[in-house]
């Protein structure tokens, strides 16, 4: 039971981090810091 909770927490934090990185990437593109054709590896 306890391992399920840690798995769910890990998934939620990972998802939040992914969304924040996507928002940051789009803001940097808007400001011209990143090129529009920037691709993440």
C-alpha atoms as a PDB file:
ATOM      1  CA  UNK A   1       0.000   0.000   0.000  1.00  0.00           C
ATOM      2  CA  UNK A   2       2.735   2.452   0.949  1.00  0.00           C
ATOM      3  CA  UNK A   3       4.657   1.866  -2.278  1.00  0.00           C
ATOM      4  CA  UNK A   4       1.527   2.769  -4.272  1.00  0.00           C
ATOM      5  CA  UNK A   5       1.389   6.150  -2.531  1.00  0.00           C
ATOM      6  CA  UNK A   6       5.050   6.869  -3.379  1.00  0.00           C
ATOM      7  CA  UNK A   7       4.451   5.858  -6.985  1.00  0.00           C
ATOM      8  CA  UNK A   8       1.459   8.182  -7.281  1.00  0.00           C
ATOM      9  CA  UNK A   9       3.369  11.055  -5.639  1.00  0.00           C
ATOM     10  CA  UNK A  10       6.301  10.526  -7.987  1.00  0.00           C
ATOM     11  CA  UNK A  11       3.987  10.560 -10.988  1.00  0.00           C
ATOM     12  CA  UNK A  12       2.242  13.764  -9.856  1.00  0.00           C
ATOM     13  CA  UNK A  13       5.520  15.602  -9.174  1.00  0.00           C
ATOM     14  CA  UNK A  14       6.927  14.420 -12.496  1.00  0.00           C
ATOM     15  CA  UNK A  15       3.844  15.644 -14.326  1.00  0.00           C
ATOM     16  CA  UNK A  16       3.998  19.040 -12.623  1.00  0.00           C
ATOM     17  CA  UNK A  17       7.691  19.371 -13.500  1.00  0.00           C
ATOM     18  CA  UNK A  18       6.994  18.442 -17.134  1.00  0.00           C
ATOM     19  CA  UNK A  19       4.228  21.057 -17.419  1.00  0.00           C
ATOM     20  CA  UNK A  20       6.459  23.758 -15.882  1.00  0.00           C
ATOM     21  CA  UNK A  21       9.260  22.984 -18.334  1.00  0.00           C
ATOM     22  CA  UNK A  22       6.809  23.247 -21.247  1.00  0.00           C
ATOM     23  CA  UNK A  23       5.563  26.632 -20.012  1.00  0.00           C
ATOM     24  CA  UNK A  24       9.126  27.881 -19.551  1.00  0.00           C
ATOM     25  CA  UNK A  25      10.098  26.750 -23.051  1.00  0.00           C
ATOM     26  CA  UNK A  26       7.144  28.558 -24.611  1.00  0.00           C
ATOM     27  CA  UNK A  27       7.891  31.777 -22.668  1.00  0.00           C
ATOM     28  CA  UNK A  28      11.534  31.707 -23.755  1.00  0.00           C
ATOM     29  CA  UNK A  29      10.424  31.255 -27.364  1.00  0.00           C
ATOM     30  CA  UNK A  30       8.046  34.221 -27.050  1.00  0.00           C
ATOM     31  CA  UNK A  31      10.836  36.434 -25.720  1.00  0.00           C
ATOM     32  CA  UNK A  32      13.176  35.380 -28.510  1.00  0.00           C
ATOM     33  CA  UNK A  33      15.685  33.697 -26.200  1.00  0.00           C
ATOM     34  CA  UNK A  34      15.035  30.323 -27.821  1.00  0.00           C
ATOM     35  CA  UNK A  35      14.561  29.875 -31.542  1.00  0.00           C
ATOM     36  CA  UNK A  36      11.059  28.904 -32.674  1.00  0.00           C
ATOM     37  CA  UNK A  37      12.384  25.677 -34.185  1.00  0.00           C
ATOM     38  CA  UNK A  38      14.001  24.579 -30.895  1.00  0.00           C
ATOM     39  CA  UNK A  39      13.592  20.839 -30.290  1.00  0.00           C
ATOM     40  CA  UNK A  40      14.067  19.164 -26.957  1.00  0.00           C
ATOM     41  CA  UNK A  41      16.190  16.031 -26.859  1.00  0.00           C
END
